[in-house]
Amino acid sequence: MPSAPEVLIVAVVGASGYTGAEVLRWLLGHPRLRLVSATAHTHAGKPLTALWPQLVGHTDLVLTSEPAPADVTFLCLP
């Protein structure tokens, strides 16, 4: 019998820009990825959904200035 698929822990650095928003949208819809961190220095401490209202109901993450440890970190920087 095959084992359950592995879930990868993911972080996004630079979640306040267009690229960060698109990566977040893709990640939150993926069944084998678990988003644990999103950074945006100027918005640190705010809910991710305050920055991107279209994500309401998909996450309760709060933006931070430093990423949490993750298996994969997406850099969405200028």
Protein backbone atom coordinates (compact mmCIF):
# COMPACT_ATOMS: atom_id res chain seq x y z
CA MET A 1 0.00 0.00 0.00
CA PRO A 2 1.49 3.41 -0.92
CA SER A 3 2.24 5.85 1.88
CA ALA A 4 0.51 9.20 2.18
CA PRO A 5 2.12 11.94 0.08
CA GLU A 6 4.61 14.10 1.91
CA VAL A 7 3.52 17.61 2.81
CA LEU A 8 6.18 20.28 2.30
CA ILE A 9 6.45 23.24 4.66
CA VAL A 10 6.69 26.50 2.69
CA ALA A 11 7.58 30.15 3.36
CA VAL A 12 7.28 33.22 1.10
CA VAL A 13 9.69 36.14 1.41
CA GLY A 14 8.31 39.29 -0.18
CA ALA A 15 4.61 38.57 0.12
CA SER A 16 3.53 42.18 -0.41
CA GLY A 17 4.29 42.41 -4.15
CA TYR A 18 2.50 41.06 -7.18
CA THR A 19 4.77 38.02 -7.51
CA GLY A 20 4.36 37.23 -3.81
CA ALA A 21 0.58 37.44 -4.12
CA GLU A 22 0.54 35.03 -7.06
CA VAL A 23 2.84 32.56 -5.30
CA LEU A 24 0.63 32.72 -2.20
CA ARG A 25 -2.45 32.03 -4.30
CA TRP A 26 -0.81 28.98 -5.89
CA LEU A 27 0.55 27.67 -2.60
CA LEU A 28 -2.71 27.99 -0.69
CA GLY A 29 -4.50 25.95 -3.33
CA HIS A 30 -1.96 23.12 -3.37
CA PRO A 31 -2.87 19.97 -1.39
CA ARG A 32 0.74 18.94 -0.60
CA LEU A 33 2.06 22.31 0.57
CA ARG A 34 1.55 24.00 3.94
CA LEU A 35 2.30 27.72 4.09
CA VAL A 36 3.79 28.57 7.50
CA SER A 37 5.32 31.99 6.91
CA ALA A 38 4.96 35.08 4.74
CA THR A 39 7.16 38.14 5.11
CA ALA A 40 6.66 41.80 4.27
CA HIS A 41 8.82 44.17 6.31
CA THR A 42 6.58 47.23 6.02
CA HIS A 43 3.45 45.19 6.82
CA ALA A 44 4.89 42.95 9.59
CA GLY A 45 2.33 42.24 12.31
CA LYS A 46 -0.67 42.63 10.02
CA PRO A 47 -2.83 39.69 8.95
CA LEU A 48 -1.96 38.47 5.48
CA THR A 49 -5.60 38.98 4.52
CA ALA A 50 -5.37 42.71 5.37
CA LEU A 51 -2.87 42.98 2.54
CA TRP A 52 -4.58 40.50 0.20
CA PRO A 53 -8.34 40.35 0.98
CA GLN A 54 -8.89 37.75 -1.74
CA LEU A 55 -7.17 35.23 0.59
CA VAL A 56 -9.84 35.56 3.31
CA GLY A 57 -10.95 32.08 4.29
CA HIS A 58 -7.75 30.48 3.01
CA THR A 59 -5.26 31.48 5.70
CA ASP A 60 -4.96 33.13 9.11
CA LEU A 61 -1.23 33.90 8.82
CA VAL A 62 0.22 37.13 10.17
CA LEU A 63 2.97 38.78 8.14
CA THR A 64 6.42 38.80 9.72
CA SER A 65 9.74 40.45 9.00
CA GLU A 66 11.72 37.17 9.11
CA PRO A 67 10.71 33.84 7.53
CA ALA A 68 10.08 30.75 9.62
CA PRO A 69 12.11 27.60 8.94
CA ALA A 70 10.66 25.73 5.95
CA ASP A 71 11.45 22.94 3.50
CA VAL A 72 11.08 25.44 0.64
CA THR A 73 11.31 29.24 0.71
CA PHE A 74 10.11 31.29 -2.27
CA LEU A 75 11.96 34.59 -2.72
CA CYS A 76 9.59 37.08 -4.33
CA LEU A 77 11.80 40.12 -4.03
CA PRO A 78 12.27 43.08 -6.39
